[in-house]
Amino acid sequence: MTIVAAPIQASAARPANPGLWRLWRDDVGCVKARDPAARNVVEILLTYPGVHAIIWHRLANRLWRSRFKFPARFLSWFARLVTNVDIHPGATIGRNFFIDHGAGVVIGETAEVGDNVTLYHGVTLGGVSWSAGKRHPTIEDGVLVGAGAKILGPIKVGAGARIGANSVVVEDVPPGVTAVGIPARIVREPLRRGGAGGRINLDHHLIADPVGEVLSILLDRVDFLEARINHMQGRARGAAAESENQLERLNQ
């Protein structure tokens, strides 16, 4: 499976406060670029709950920042009702944001999401504390988070990193790496992931299996110990036979 990376603009070229229409246009455009199943803009606007969720969130976030807290929360509740995507109106989300198969995604109040980020269904950007202040993760530009992954606490996922499906991330993830597991561990260092036509190769089939690797090491160790024991038993049997021969010669 491949997706097309939306073009990443330089920070200096981005408007300081882009209008809602521009943000919505970018959100729709990035879906058409990244999802091979998306055929046209009309289909995206009518049938993609992830797009509906971010459209409503952009408006709710503007209300939230203008101190219209209750209207923002009500609009956020309505968006969750119709999309099954729960984004707090206080969350900060950058441009070209895409929730693929938008269902069961939760993004907390103090979460910060950069540009060109892709989340699959079931992702949680959650907190681990009830204390006020920053308690949700920061996701930098170009990050891809696999289905069912949980990123918890005021941690940072570096630009271009990938989080494997169903992983639980509780510590900072460096830029450009792939992290997998519970808790998530780095299984692949930064490398070039581009493909033909500007597409990004997801390399799902190459994601490492840390548990399988540990079992493989244990099996190799067991084989080595069995071979060593067999060798030692063979030497012991040989020594015992030699001792018996010597006793027989002495008795004669």
Protein backbone atom coordinates (compact mmCIF):
# COMPACT_ATOMS: atom_id res chain seq x y z
CA MET A 1 0.00 0.00 0.00
CA THR A 2 1.32 3.46 -0.82
CA ILE A 3 0.22 7.00 -0.25
CA VAL A 4 1.20 10.20 -1.94
CA ALA A 5 2.88 12.75 0.26
CA ALA A 6 1.31 16.17 0.15
CA PRO A 7 3.86 18.84 -0.71
CA ILE A 8 5.45 20.32 2.40
CA GLN A 9 5.85 24.06 2.19
CA ALA A 10 8.59 25.97 3.92
CA SER A 11 7.53 27.53 7.21
CA ALA A 12 8.36 31.00 5.97
CA ALA A 13 5.94 30.58 3.05
CA ARG A 14 2.96 29.60 5.19
CA PRO A 15 0.43 32.27 6.11
CA ALA A 16 0.63 33.13 9.80
CA ASN A 17 -3.13 32.67 10.18
CA PRO A 18 -4.61 30.99 7.09
CA GLY A 19 -8.34 31.35 6.55
CA LEU A 20 -10.78 28.52 7.13
CA TRP A 21 -11.47 28.10 3.43
CA ARG A 22 -7.76 27.66 2.70
CA LEU A 23 -7.38 25.13 5.52
CA TRP A 24 -10.43 23.16 4.40
CA ARG A 25 -9.20 23.15 0.79
CA ASP A 26 -5.81 21.80 1.90
CA ASP A 27 -7.45 19.10 4.05
CA VAL A 28 -9.56 17.88 1.14
CA GLY A 29 -6.67 18.11 -1.30
CA CYS A 30 -4.36 16.02 0.85
CA VAL A 31 -6.92 13.19 0.97
CA LYS A 32 -7.03 13.00 -2.80
CA ALA A 33 -3.22 12.94 -2.84
CA ARG A 34 -2.74 10.23 -0.17
CA ASP A 35 -5.65 7.82 -0.59
CA PRO A 36 -5.68 5.83 -3.85
CA ALA A 37 -9.37 5.05 -3.26
CA ALA A 38 -10.36 8.74 -3.41
CA ARG A 39 -11.68 9.45 -6.91
CA ASN A 40 -12.88 13.05 -6.80
CA VAL A 41 -13.51 16.01 -4.51
CA VAL A 42 -17.28 15.50 -4.36
CA GLU A 43 -16.86 11.93 -3.15
CA ILE A 44 -14.36 13.05 -0.50
CA LEU A 45 -16.62 15.81 0.79
CA LEU A 46 -19.68 13.57 1.01
CA THR A 47 -18.30 10.23 2.18
CA TYR A 48 -15.13 10.75 4.24
CA PRO A 49 -15.88 11.09 7.98
CA GLY A 50 -12.26 12.05 8.66
CA VAL A 51 -12.72 15.08 6.40
CA HIS A 52 -16.02 15.95 8.07
CA ALA A 53 -14.33 15.77 11.48
CA ILE A 54 -11.50 18.14 10.58
CA ILE A 55 -13.88 20.58 8.84
CA TRP A 56 -16.01 20.84 11.99
CA HIS A 57 -12.91 21.01 14.20
CA ARG A 58 -11.44 23.94 12.28
CA LEU A 59 -14.60 25.93 13.01
CA ALA A 60 -14.87 24.77 16.63
CA ASN A 61 -11.22 25.68 17.21
CA ARG A 62 -11.82 29.22 15.96
CA LEU A 63 -14.74 29.54 18.37
CA TRP A 64 -12.65 28.11 21.22
CA ARG A 65 -9.82 30.58 20.63
CA SER A 66 -12.33 33.43 20.47
CA ARG A 67 -13.50 32.37 23.97
CA PHE A 68 -16.86 31.03 22.76
CA LYS A 69 -16.22 27.89 24.81
CA PHE A 70 -19.70 26.39 24.98
CA PRO A 71 -20.51 26.79 21.26
CA ALA A 72 -17.13 25.25 20.48
CA ARG A 73 -17.77 22.27 22.75
CA PHE A 74 -21.28 21.80 21.37
CA LEU A 75 -19.98 21.85 17.79
CA SER A 76 -17.28 19.38 18.77
CA TRP A 77 -19.92 17.11 20.33
CA PHE A 78 -22.01 17.30 17.16
CA ALA A 79 -18.98 16.42 15.01
CA ARG A 80 -18.28 13.40 17.21
CA LEU A 81 -21.92 12.34 16.94
CA VAL A 82 -21.88 12.27 13.14
CA THR A 83 -18.28 11.17 12.49
CA ASN A 84 -17.23 9.01 15.50
CA VAL A 85 -14.09 11.17 15.71
CA ASP A 86 -13.56 13.02 19.00
CA ILE A 87 -11.35 16.10 18.65
CA HIS A 88 -11.33 18.59 21.50
CA PRO A 89 -11.87 22.12 20.15
CA GLY A 90 -8.75 23.28 21.99
CA ALA A 91 -6.45 20.90 20.07
CA THR A 92 -4.04 22.57 17.64
CA ILE A 93 -3.94 20.88 14.23
CA GLY A 94 -1.78 21.95 11.30
CA ARG A 95 -2.47 21.92 7.58
CA ASN A 96 -3.01 18.92 5.29
CA PHE A 97 -4.35 16.76 8.13
CA PHE A 98 -5.81 13.38 7.14
CA ILE A 99 -7.68 10.80 9.23
CA ASP A 100 -7.95 7.69 7.05
CA HIS A 101 -11.00 5.48 7.74
CA GLY A 102 -12.03 8.08 10.33
CA ALA A 103 -13.49 6.12 13.24
CA GLY A 104 -12.61 5.96 16.91
CA VAL A 105 -9.95 8.69 16.78
CA VAL A 106 -9.51 10.74 19.98
CA ILE A 107 -7.43 13.93 20.16
CA GLY A 108 -7.11 15.70 23.52
CA GLU A 109 -7.33 19.39 24.38
CA THR A 110 -3.61 20.22 24.59
CA ALA A 111 -2.53 18.00 21.69
CA GLU A 112 -0.49 19.74 18.99
CA VAL A 113 -0.38 18.27 15.49
CA GLY A 114 1.91 19.58 12.78
CA ASP A 115 1.45 19.76 9.02
CA ASN A 116 1.04 16.77 6.67
CA VAL A 117 0.15 14.35 9.47
CA THR A 118 -1.81 11.14 8.78
CA LEU A 119 -3.73 9.18 11.41
CA TYR A 120 -5.47 5.87 10.83
CA HIS A 121 -8.60 4.74 12.65
CA GLY A 122 -8.57 4.08 16.37
CA VAL A 123 -5.66 6.42 17.15
CA THR A 124 -5.62 8.19 20.53
CA LEU A 125 -3.59 11.29 21.33
CA GLY A 126 -4.34 11.19 25.03
CA GLY A 127 -3.14 12.28 28.43
CA VAL A 128 -1.91 10.43 31.50
CA SER A 129 -2.70 13.09 34.10
CA TRP A 130 -5.64 15.16 35.32
CA SER A 131 -3.43 18.13 36.15
CA ALA A 132 -3.86 21.37 34.23
CA GLY A 133 -1.43 22.43 31.54
CA LYS A 134 0.20 20.51 28.73
CA ARG A 135 -0.85 16.86 29.09
CA HIS A 136 -1.25 15.59 25.53
CA PRO A 137 1.37 14.77 22.88
CA THR A 138 2.98 16.94 20.24
CA ILE A 139 3.06 15.38 16.77
CA GLU A 140 5.50 17.08 14.42
CA ASP A 141 5.25 17.47 10.64
CA GLY A 142 4.90 14.45 8.37
CA VAL A 143 4.20 11.85 11.06
CA LEU A 144 2.16 8.73 10.20
CA VAL A 145 0.35 6.89 13.01
CA GLY A 146 -0.95 3.37 12.38
CA ALA A 147 -4.41 2.04 13.28
CA GLY A 148 -5.16 1.66 16.97
CA ALA A 149 -1.97 3.31 18.19
CA LYS A 150 -2.03 5.23 21.50
CA ILE A 151 0.31 8.18 22.05
CA LEU A 152 -0.01 9.24 25.67
CA GLY A 153 1.25 12.14 27.73
CA PRO A 154 3.09 15.42 26.97
CA ILE A 155 5.65 13.68 24.77
CA LYS A 156 6.94 14.52 21.30
CA VAL A 157 6.90 12.44 18.13
CA GLY A 158 9.57 13.82 15.82
CA ALA A 159 9.01 14.92 12.25
CA GLY A 160 8.63 12.12 9.72
CA ALA A 161 8.38 9.36 12.31
CA ARG A 162 6.03 6.39 11.98
CA ILE A 163 4.14 4.67 14.76
CA GLY A 164 3.15 1.05 14.10
CA ALA A 165 -0.42 -0.17 14.44
CA ASN A 166 -1.63 -0.86 18.01
CA SER A 167 1.56 0.53 19.51
CA VAL A 168 1.54 2.40 22.84
CA VAL A 169 3.92 5.36 22.89
CA VAL A 170 4.81 6.84 26.28
CA GLU A 171 8.25 8.33 25.54
CA ASP A 172 9.61 10.78 22.97
CA VAL A 173 10.18 9.38 19.48
CA PRO A 174 13.10 10.84 17.46
CA PRO A 175 12.47 12.23 13.97
CA GLY A 176 12.34 9.85 11.04
CA VAL A 177 12.28 6.54 12.90
CA THR A 178 9.70 3.75 13.09
CA ALA A 179 8.47 2.77 16.56
CA VAL A 180 6.46 -0.40 17.25
CA GLY A 181 5.21 -2.33 20.26
CA ILE A 182 3.86 -2.00 23.80
CA PRO A 183 5.58 0.09 24.97
CA ALA A 184 6.80 1.31 21.61
CA ARG A 185 10.45 0.73 20.73
CA ILE A 186 12.46 1.98 17.76
CA VAL A 187 12.73 -0.79 15.19
CA ARG A 188 13.98 1.15 12.19
CA GLU A 189 16.36 4.07 11.91
CA PRO A 190 15.76 6.98 9.53
CA LEU A 191 15.94 6.09 5.85
CA ARG A 192 14.71 7.28 2.49
CA ARG A 193 11.08 6.23 2.09
CA GLY A 194 10.17 7.96 -1.12
CA GLY A 195 8.90 6.01 -4.07
CA ALA A 196 8.05 6.61 -7.67
CA GLY A 197 5.83 9.58 -8.39
CA GLY A 198 6.38 11.13 -4.96
CA ARG A 199 4.61 8.30 -3.17
CA ILE A 200 5.59 7.14 0.29
CA ASN A 201 6.11 3.43 0.77
CA LEU A 202 4.50 2.45 4.06
CA ASP A 203 6.59 -0.75 4.32
CA HIS A 204 3.93 -2.43 6.46
CA HIS A 205 5.36 -5.83 5.53
CA LEU A 206 8.78 -4.80 6.84
CA ILE A 207 7.74 -3.61 10.29
CA ALA A 208 9.76 -5.61 12.78
CA ASP A 209 8.27 -8.03 15.31
CA PRO A 210 10.18 -7.44 18.59
CA VAL A 211 8.53 -10.39 20.34
CA GLY A 212 9.30 -12.69 17.43
CA GLU A 213 12.92 -11.51 17.39
CA VAL A 214 13.30 -12.28 21.11
CA LEU A 215 11.79 -15.74 20.64
CA SER A 216 14.13 -16.39 17.74
CA ILE A 217 17.14 -15.44 19.90
CA LEU A 218 15.90 -17.72 22.69
CA LEU A 219 15.45 -20.63 20.27
CA ASP A 220 18.97 -20.11 18.91
CA ARG A 221 20.29 -20.13 22.47
CA VAL A 222 18.39 -23.33 23.29
CA ASP A 223 19.82 -25.02 20.17
CA PHE A 224 23.35 -23.96 21.19
CA LEU A 225 22.92 -25.23 24.76
CA GLU A 226 21.47 -28.56 23.55
CA ALA A 227 24.42 -29.04 21.19
CA ARG A 228 26.84 -28.21 23.99
CA ILE A 229 25.14 -30.65 26.41
CA ASN A 230 25.18 -33.42 23.77
CA HIS A 231 28.90 -32.80 23.21
CA MET A 232 29.62 -32.90 26.94
CA GLN A 233 27.55 -36.08 27.35
CA GLY A 234 29.46 -37.69 24.51
CA ARG A 235 32.78 -36.83 26.13
CA ALA A 236 31.51 -38.13 29.49
CA ARG A 237 30.42 -41.42 27.91
CA GLY A 238 33.81 -41.73 26.21
CA ALA A 239 35.63 -41.08 29.50
CA ALA A 240 33.45 -43.63 31.30
CA ALA A 241 34.14 -46.25 28.62
CA GLU A 242 37.87 -45.59 28.84
CA SER A 243 37.75 -45.95 32.63
CA GLU A 244 35.95 -49.31 32.30
CA ASN A 245 38.55 -50.53 29.82
CA GLN A 246 41.35 -49.58 32.18
CA LEU A 247 39.66 -51.40 35.09
CA GLU A 248 39.24 -54.50 32.95
CA ARG A 249 42.93 -54.43 31.99
CA LEU A 250 43.92 -54.06 35.63
CA ASN A 251 41.70 -56.97 36.66
CA GLN A 252 43.28 -59.16 34.03
